[in-house]
């Protein structure tokens, strides 16, 4: 009787490998979602690039003069 129960347990979906047909796609989707989330966060925290772009844009528009541009550029580059 015990041998039959042991044999039944050996033939579950995970033992035969069928469970991986479900697990692999689920893990793939989760890893892609995690990667996308990390990329979104890193894009938002790339402040040095954004700060430099904003500074250049303000200088081109004439909102700040050359001295202020140079000082702020020095501040940005020293921060990183």
PDB file of N, CA and C in Angstrom:
ATOM      1  N   UNK A   1       0.823  -1.193   0.000  1.00  0.00           N
ATOM      2  CA  UNK A   1       0.000   0.000   0.000  1.00  0.00           C
ATOM      3  C   UNK A   1       0.871   1.262   0.000  1.00  0.00           C
ATOM      4  N   UNK A   2       1.914   1.259   0.793  1.00  0.00           N
ATOM      5  CA  UNK A   2       2.785   2.417   0.869  1.00  0.00           C
ATOM      6  C   UNK A   2       3.522   2.640  -0.449  1.00  0.00           C
ATOM      7  N   UNK A   3       3.871   1.557  -1.156  1.00  0.00           N
ATOM      8  CA  UNK A   3       4.566   1.692  -2.435  1.00  0.00           C
ATOM      9  C   UNK A   3       3.698   2.409  -3.463  1.00  0.00           C
ATOM     10  N   UNK A   4       2.409   2.137  -3.475  1.00  0.00           N
ATOM     11  CA  UNK A   4       1.499   2.791  -4.410  1.00  0.00           C
ATOM     12  C   UNK A   4       1.410   4.286  -4.119  1.00  0.00           C
ATOM     13  N   UNK A   5       1.360   4.651  -2.838  1.00  0.00           N
ATOM     14  CA  UNK A   5       1.285   6.062  -2.466  1.00  0.00           C
ATOM     15  C   UNK A   5       2.572   6.789  -2.849  1.00  0.00           C
ATOM     16  N   UNK A   6       3.711   6.133  -2.683  1.00  0.00           N
ATOM     17  CA  UNK A   6       4.984   6.741  -3.065  1.00  0.00           C
ATOM     18  C   UNK A   6       5.047   6.951  -4.571  1.00  0.00           C
ATOM     19  N   UNK A   7       4.546   5.971  -5.347  1.00  0.00           N
ATOM     20  CA  UNK A   7       4.552   6.098  -6.804  1.00  0.00           C
ATOM     21  C   UNK A   7       3.637   7.227  -7.257  1.00  0.00           C
ATOM     22  N   UNK A   8       2.506   7.394  -6.605  1.00  0.00           N
ATOM     23  CA  UNK A   8       1.584   8.469  -6.966  1.00  0.00           C
ATOM     24  C   UNK A   8       2.231   9.831  -6.735  1.00  0.00           C
ATOM     25  N   UNK A   9       2.950   9.970  -5.662  1.00  0.00           N
ATOM     26  CA  UNK A   9       3.590  11.242  -5.347  1.00  0.00           C
ATOM     27  C   UNK A   9       4.702  11.572  -6.341  1.00  0.00           C
ATOM     28  N   UNK A  10       5.346  10.569  -6.903  1.00  0.00           N
ATOM     29  CA  UNK A  10       6.427  10.796  -7.848  1.00  0.00           C
ATOM     30  C   UNK A  10       5.937  11.316  -9.185  1.00  0.00           C
ATOM     31  N   UNK A  11       4.690  11.111  -9.492  1.00  0.00           N
ATOM     32  CA  UNK A  11       4.183  11.487 -10.798  1.00  0.00           C
ATOM     33  C   UNK A  11       3.372  12.774 -10.782  1.00  0.00           C
ATOM     34  N   UNK A  12       3.698  13.675  -9.898  1.00  0.00           N
ATOM     35  CA  UNK A  12       3.041  14.972  -9.882  1.00  0.00           C
ATOM     36  C   UNK A  12       3.560  15.825 -11.022  1.00  0.00           C
ATOM     37  N   UNK A  13       2.925  16.947 -11.241  1.00  0.00           N
ATOM     38  CA  UNK A  13       3.288  17.821 -12.356  1.00  0.00           C
ATOM     39  C   UNK A  13       4.736  18.311 -12.244  1.00  0.00           C
ATOM     40  N   UNK A  14       5.201  18.610 -11.048  1.00  0.00           N
ATOM     41  CA  UNK A  14       6.555  19.124 -10.900  1.00  0.00           C
ATOM     42  C   UNK A  14       7.588  18.030 -11.146  1.00  0.00           C
ATOM     43  N   UNK A  15       7.268  16.816 -10.751  1.00  0.00           N
ATOM     44  CA  UNK A  15       8.224  15.725 -10.927  1.00  0.00           C
ATOM     45  C   UNK A  15       8.411  15.405 -12.408  1.00  0.00           C
ATOM     46  N   UNK A  16       7.363  15.451 -13.172  1.00  0.00           N
ATOM     47  CA  UNK A  16       7.451  15.147 -14.594  1.00  0.00           C
ATOM     48  C   UNK A  16       7.995  16.316 -15.409  1.00  0.00           C
ATOM     49  N   UNK A  17       8.011  17.486 -14.841  1.00  0.00           N
ATOM     50  CA  UNK A  17       8.539  18.633 -15.548  1.00  0.00           C
ATOM     51  C   UNK A  17       7.470  19.511 -16.168  1.00  0.00           C
ATOM     52  N   UNK A  18       6.223  19.105 -16.078  1.00  0.00           N
ATOM     53  CA  UNK A  18       5.151  19.896 -16.675  1.00  0.00           C
ATOM     54  C   UNK A  18       4.942  21.213 -15.946  1.00  0.00           C
ATOM     55  N   UNK A  19       5.249  21.245 -14.682  1.00  0.00           N
ATOM     56  CA  UNK A  19       5.086  22.471 -13.912  1.00  0.00           C
ATOM     57  C   UNK A  19       5.974  23.602 -14.409  1.00  0.00           C
ATOM     58  N   UNK A  20       7.085  23.256 -15.042  1.00  0.00           N
ATOM     59  CA  UNK A  20       7.997  24.275 -15.553  1.00  0.00           C
ATOM     60  C   UNK A  20       7.397  25.038 -16.720  1.00  0.00           C
ATOM     61  N   UNK A  21       6.437  24.414 -17.412  1.00  0.00           N
ATOM     62  CA  UNK A  21       5.771  25.122 -18.497  1.00  0.00           C
ATOM     63  C   UNK A  21       4.954  26.298 -17.972  1.00  0.00           C
ATOM     64  N   UNK A  22       4.600  26.258 -16.731  1.00  0.00           N
ATOM     65  CA  UNK A  22       3.905  27.370 -16.094  1.00  0.00           C
ATOM     66  C   UNK A  22       4.899  28.299 -15.404  1.00  0.00           C
ATOM     67  N   UNK A  23       5.877  27.722 -14.732  1.00  0.00           N
ATOM     68  CA  UNK A  23       6.809  28.517 -13.936  1.00  0.00           C
ATOM     69  C   UNK A  23       7.716  29.396 -14.793  1.00  0.00           C
ATOM     70  N   UNK A  24       8.217  28.891 -15.892  1.00  0.00           N
ATOM     71  CA  UNK A  24       9.156  29.654 -16.715  1.00  0.00           C
ATOM     72  C   UNK A  24       8.510  30.918 -17.297  1.00  0.00           C
ATOM     73  N   UNK A  25       7.325  30.830 -17.909  1.00  0.00           N
ATOM     74  CA  UNK A  25       6.723  32.081 -18.406  1.00  0.00           C
ATOM     75  C   UNK A  25       6.406  33.079 -17.294  1.00  0.00           C
ATOM     76  N   UNK A  26       5.961  32.590 -16.152  1.00  0.00           N
ATOM     77  CA  UNK A  26       5.648  33.485 -15.039  1.00  0.00           C
ATOM     78  C   UNK A  26       6.917  34.179 -14.557  1.00  0.00           C
ATOM     79  N   UNK A  27       7.991  33.434 -14.395  1.00  0.00           N
ATOM     80  CA  UNK A  27       9.254  34.028 -13.949  1.00  0.00           C
ATOM     81  C   UNK A  27       9.816  34.990 -15.005  1.00  0.00           C
ATOM     82  N   UNK A  28       9.608  34.685 -16.279  1.00  0.00           N
ATOM     83  CA  UNK A  28      10.069  35.572 -17.338  1.00  0.00           C
ATOM     84  C   UNK A  28       9.330  36.907 -17.296  1.00  0.00           C
ATOM     85  N   UNK A  29       8.030  36.841 -17.145  1.00  0.00           N
ATOM     86  CA  UNK A  29       7.230  38.064 -17.068  1.00  0.00           C
ATOM     87  C   UNK A  29       7.626  38.886 -15.847  1.00  0.00           C
ATOM     88  N   UNK A  30       7.822  38.227 -14.721  1.00  0.00           N
ATOM     89  CA  UNK A  30       8.227  38.948 -13.506  1.00  0.00           C
ATOM     90  C   UNK A  30       9.600  39.593 -13.675  1.00  0.00           C
ATOM     91  N   UNK A  31      10.528  38.896 -14.296  1.00  0.00           N
ATOM     92  CA  UNK A  31      11.860  39.476 -14.465  1.00  0.00           C
ATOM     93  C   UNK A  31      11.832  40.658 -15.432  1.00  0.00           C
ATOM     94  N   UNK A  32      11.024  40.570 -16.486  1.00  0.00           N
ATOM     95  CA  UNK A  32      10.912  41.697 -17.413  1.00  0.00           C
ATOM     96  C   UNK A  32      10.261  42.902 -16.741  1.00  0.00           C
ATOM     97  N   UNK A  33       9.264  42.642 -15.913  1.00  0.00           N
ATOM     98  CA  UNK A  33       8.612  43.737 -15.190  1.00  0.00           C
ATOM     99  C   UNK A  33       9.591  44.391 -14.225  1.00  0.00           C
ATOM    100  N   UNK A  34      10.392  43.586 -13.553  1.00  0.00           N
ATOM    101  CA  UNK A  34      11.382  44.119 -12.620  1.00  0.00           C
ATOM    102  C   UNK A  34      12.424  44.937 -13.372  1.00  0.00           C
ATOM    103  N   UNK A  35      12.873  44.436 -14.510  1.00  0.00           N
ATOM    104  CA  UNK A  35      13.854  45.173 -15.307  1.00  0.00           C
ATOM    105  C   UNK A  35      13.286  46.507 -15.776  1.00  0.00           C
ATOM    106  N   UNK A  36      12.052  46.500 -16.222  1.00  0.00           N
ATOM    107  CA  UNK A  36      11.414  47.744 -16.681  1.00  0.00           C
ATOM    108  C   UNK A  36      11.285  48.723 -15.514  1.00  0.00           C
ATOM    109  N   UNK A  37      10.925  48.228 -14.347  1.00  0.00           N
ATOM    110  CA  UNK A  37      10.806  49.090 -13.171  1.00  0.00           C
ATOM    111  C   UNK A  37      12.135  49.700 -12.779  1.00  0.00           C
ATOM    112  N   UNK A  38      13.194  48.912 -12.841  1.00  0.00           N
ATOM    113  CA  UNK A  38      14.526  49.423 -12.508  1.00  0.00           C
ATOM    114  C   UNK A  38      14.947  50.471 -13.527  1.00  0.00           C
ATOM    115  N   UNK A  39      14.681  50.225 -14.804  1.00  0.00           N
ATOM    116  CA  UNK A  39      15.035  51.205 -15.833  1.00  0.00           C
ATOM    117  C   UNK A  39      14.260  52.500 -15.662  1.00  0.00           C
ATOM    118  N   UNK A  40      12.981  52.409 -15.301  1.00  0.00           N
ATOM    119  CA  UNK A  40      12.184  53.611 -15.079  1.00  0.00           C
ATOM    120  C   UNK A  40      12.744  54.429 -13.932  1.00  0.00           C
ATOM    121  N   UNK A  41      13.136  53.760 -12.860  1.00  0.00           N
ATOM    122  CA  UNK A  41      13.692  54.457 -11.701  1.00  0.00           C
ATOM    123  C   UNK A  41      15.026  55.087 -12.053  1.00  0.00           C
ATOM    124  N   UNK A  42      15.866  54.357 -12.774  1.00  0.00           N
ATOM    125  CA  UNK A  42      17.178  54.908 -13.115  1.00  0.00           C
ATOM    126  C   UNK A  42      17.043  56.089 -14.079  1.00  0.00           C
ATOM    127  N   UNK A  43      16.034  56.067 -14.945  1.00  0.00           N
ATOM    128  CA  UNK A  43      15.804  57.212 -15.828  1.00  0.00           C
ATOM    129  C   UNK A  43      15.408  58.441 -15.035  1.00  0.00           C
ATOM    130  N   UNK A  44      14.611  58.248 -14.010  1.00  0.00           N
ATOM    131  CA  UNK A  44      14.152  59.379 -13.212  1.00  0.00           C
ATOM    132  C   UNK A  44      15.231  59.906 -12.285  1.00  0.00           C
ATOM    133  N   UNK A  45      16.165  59.045 -11.889  1.00  0.00           N
ATOM    134  CA  UNK A  45      17.206  59.484 -10.962  1.00  0.00           C
ATOM    135  C   UNK A  45      18.464  59.945 -11.679  1.00  0.00           C
ATOM    136  N   UNK A  46      18.478  59.963 -12.988  1.00  0.00           N
ATOM    137  CA  UNK A  46      19.628  60.457 -13.724  1.00  0.00           C
ATOM    138  C   UNK A  46      19.637  61.978 -13.715  1.00  0.00           C
ATOM    139  N   UNK A  47      19.715  62.534 -12.530  1.00  0.00           N
ATOM    140  CA  UNK A  47      19.554  63.973 -12.357  1.00  0.00           C
ATOM    141  C   UNK A  47      20.715  64.781 -12.912  1.00  0.00           C
ATOM    142  N   UNK A  48      21.923  64.217 -12.913  1.00  0.00           N
ATOM    143  CA  UNK A  48      23.069  64.982 -13.414  1.00  0.00           C
ATOM    144  C   UNK A  48      22.879  65.303 -14.883  1.00  0.00           C
ATOM    145  N   UNK A  49      22.436  64.324 -15.661  1.00  0.00           N
ATOM    146  CA  UNK A  49      22.174  64.570 -17.081  1.00  0.00           C
ATOM    147  C   UNK A  49      21.046  65.551 -17.264  1.00  0.00           C
ATOM    148  N   UNK A  50      19.986  65.372 -16.503  1.00  0.00           N
ATOM    149  CA  UNK A  50      18.846  66.279 -16.603  1.00  0.00           C
ATOM    150  C   UNK A  50      19.218  67.685 -16.174  1.00  0.00           C
ATOM    151  N   UNK A  51      19.976  67.802 -15.111  1.00  0.00           N
ATOM    152  CA  UNK A  51      20.366  69.123 -14.619  1.00  0.00           C
ATOM    153  C   UNK A  51      21.213  69.854 -15.651  1.00  0.00           C
ATOM    154  N   UNK A  52      22.109  69.125 -16.282  1.00  0.00           N
ATOM    155  CA  UNK A  52      22.958  69.741 -17.299  1.00  0.00           C
ATOM    156  C   UNK A  52      22.128  70.169 -18.507  1.00  0.00           C
ATOM    157  N   UNK A  53      21.195  69.327 -18.902  1.00  0.00           N
ATOM    158  CA  UNK A  53      20.321  69.688 -20.024  1.00  0.00           C
ATOM    159  C   UNK A  53      19.485  70.920 -19.708  1.00  0.00           C
ATOM    160  N   UNK A  54      18.956  70.959 -18.499  1.00  0.00           N
ATOM    161  CA  UNK A  54      18.149  72.114 -18.090  1.00  0.00           C
ATOM    162  C   UNK A  54      19.006  73.373 -18.040  1.00  0.00           C
ATOM    163  N   UNK A  55      20.215  73.226 -17.513  1.00  0.00           N
ATOM    164  CA  UNK A  55      21.117  74.373 -17.431  1.00  0.00           C
ATOM    165  C   UNK A  55      21.455  74.907 -18.823  1.00  0.00           C
ATOM    166  N   UNK A  56      21.763  74.005 -19.741  1.00  0.00           N
ATOM    167  CA  UNK A  56      22.060  74.433 -21.118  1.00  0.00           C
ATOM    168  C   UNK A  56      20.851  75.117 -21.753  1.00  0.00           C
ATOM    169  N   UNK A  57      19.694  74.558 -21.515  1.00  0.00           N
ATOM    170  CA  UNK A  57      18.466  75.133 -22.082  1.00  0.00           C
ATOM    171  C   UNK A  57      18.214  76.535 -21.536  1.00  0.00           C
ATOM    172  N   UNK A  58      18.423  76.714 -20.237  1.00  0.00           N
ATOM    173  CA  UNK A  58      18.221  78.040 -19.634  1.00  0.00           C
ATOM    174  C   UNK A  58      19.216  79.051 -20.185  1.00  0.00           C
ATOM    175  N   UNK A  59      20.454  78.596 -20.425  1.00  0.00           N
ATOM    176  CA  UNK A  59      21.473  79.491 -20.978  1.00  0.00           C
ATOM    177  C   UNK A  59      21.121  79.892 -22.411  1.00  0.00           C
ATOM    178  N   UNK A  60      20.686  78.915 -23.203  1.00  0.00           N
ATOM    179  CA  UNK A  60      20.320  79.198 -24.592  1.00  0.00           C
ATOM    180  C   UNK A  60      19.128  80.147 -24.657  1.00  0.00           C
ATOM    181  N   UNK A  61      18.187  79.990 -23.746  1.00  0.00           N
ATOM    182  CA  UNK A  61      17.007  80.864 -23.737  1.00  0.00           C
ATOM    183  C   UNK A  61      17.332  82.261 -23.217  1.00  0.00           C
ATOM    184  N   UNK A  62      18.509  82.405 -22.611  1.00  0.00           N
ATOM    185  CA  UNK A  62      18.889  83.714 -22.089  1.00  0.00           C
ATOM    186  C   UNK A  62      18.404  83.954 -20.668  1.00  0.00           C
ATOM    187  N   UNK A  63      17.932  82.930 -20.005  1.00  0.00           N
ATOM    188  CA  UNK A  63      17.454  83.095 -18.628  1.00  0.00           C
ATOM    189  C   UNK A  63      18.605  83.323 -17.659  1.00  0.00           C
ATOM    190  N   UNK A  64      19.788  82.801 -17.980  1.00  0.00           N
ATOM    191  CA  UNK A  64      20.973  83.009 -17.141  1.00  0.00           C
ATOM    192  C   UNK A  64      22.121  83.478 -18.033  1.00  0.00           C
ATOM    193  N   UNK A  65      23.068  84.193 -17.418  1.00  0.00           N
ATOM    194  CA  UNK A  65      24.210  84.680 -18.191  1.00  0.00           C
ATOM    195  C   UNK A  65      25.373  83.681 -18.111  1.00  0.00           C
ATOM    196  N   UNK A  66      26.472  84.014 -18.782  1.00  0.00           N
ATOM    197  CA  UNK A  66      27.624  83.108 -18.879  1.00  0.00           C
ATOM    198  C   UNK A  66      28.240  82.825 -17.516  1.00  0.00           C
ATOM    199  N   UNK A  67      28.367  83.831 -16.662  1.00  0.00           N
ATOM    200  CA  UNK A  67      28.962  83.630 -15.338  1.00  0.00           C
ATOM    201  C   UNK A  67      28.103  82.684 -14.493  1.00  0.00           C
ATOM    202  N   UNK A  68      26.795  82.901 -14.516  1.00  0.00           N
ATOM    203  CA  UNK A  68      25.897  82.037 -13.745  1.00  0.00           C
ATOM    204  C   UNK A  68      25.919  80.617 -14.315  1.00  0.00           C
ATOM    205  N   UNK A  69      25.982  80.508 -15.639  1.00  0.00           N
ATOM    206  CA  UNK A  69      26.057  79.197 -16.283  1.00  0.00           C
ATOM    207  C   UNK A  69      27.307  78.454 -15.823  1.00  0.00           C
ATOM    208  N   UNK A  70      28.456  79.144 -15.860  1.00  0.00           N
ATOM    209  CA  UNK A  70      29.720  78.521 -15.466  1.00  0.00           C
ATOM    210  C   UNK A  70      29.696  78.086 -14.004  1.00  0.00           C
ATOM    211  N   UNK A  71      29.135  78.937 -13.135  1.00  0.00           N
ATOM    212  CA  UNK A  71      29.076  78.604 -11.714  1.00  0.00           C
ATOM    213  C   UNK A  71      28.183  77.384 -11.476  1.00  0.00           C
ATOM    214  N   UNK A  72      27.036  77.367 -12.108  1.00  0.00           N
ATOM    215  CA  UNK A  72      26.112  76.248 -11.927  1.00  0.00           C
ATOM    216  C   UNK A  72      26.674  74.969 -12.548  1.00  0.00           C
ATOM    217  N   UNK A  73      27.375  75.102 -13.665  1.00  0.00           N
ATOM    218  CA  UNK A  73      28.009  73.940 -14.283  1.00  0.00           C
ATOM    219  C   UNK A  73      29.067  73.357 -13.340  1.00  0.00           C
ATOM    220  N   UNK A  74      29.830  74.220 -12.726  1.00  0.00           N
ATOM    221  CA  UNK A  74      30.834  73.775 -11.744  1.00  0.00           C
ATOM    222  C   UNK A  74      30.156  73.070 -10.564  1.00  0.00           C
ATOM    223  N   UNK A  75      29.045  73.624 -10.090  1.00  0.00           N
ATOM    224  CA  UNK A  75      28.303  72.996  -8.988  1.00  0.00           C
ATOM    225  C   UNK A  75      27.792  71.608  -9.362  1.00  0.00           C
ATOM    226  N   UNK A  76      27.280  71.489 -10.577  1.00  0.00           N
ATOM    227  CA  UNK A  76      26.738  70.196 -11.022  1.00  0.00           C
ATOM    228  C   UNK A  76      27.846  69.154 -11.141  1.00  0.00           C
ATOM    229  N   UNK A  77      28.952  69.538 -11.753  1.00  0.00           N
ATOM    230  CA  UNK A  77      30.022  68.571 -11.975  1.00  0.00           C
ATOM    231  C   UNK A  77      30.729  68.185 -10.675  1.00  0.00           C
ATOM    232  N   UNK A  78      30.781  69.072  -9.712  1.00  0.00           N
ATOM    233  CA  UNK A  78      31.395  68.759  -8.420  1.00  0.00           C
ATOM    234  C   UNK A  78      30.498  67.850  -7.590  1.00  0.00           C
ATOM    235  N   UNK A  79      29.205  67.920  -7.816  1.00  0.00           N
ATOM    236  CA  UNK A  79      28.273  67.100  -7.048  1.00  0.00           C
ATOM    237  C   UNK A  79      28.421  65.622  -7.409  1.00  0.00           C
ATOM    238  N   UNK A  80      28.914  65.335  -8.611  1.00  0.00           N
ATOM    239  CA  UNK A  80      29.049  63.946  -9.022  1.00  0.00           C
ATOM    240  C   UNK A  80      30.467  63.655  -9.241  1.00  0.00           C
TER     241      UNK A  80
END
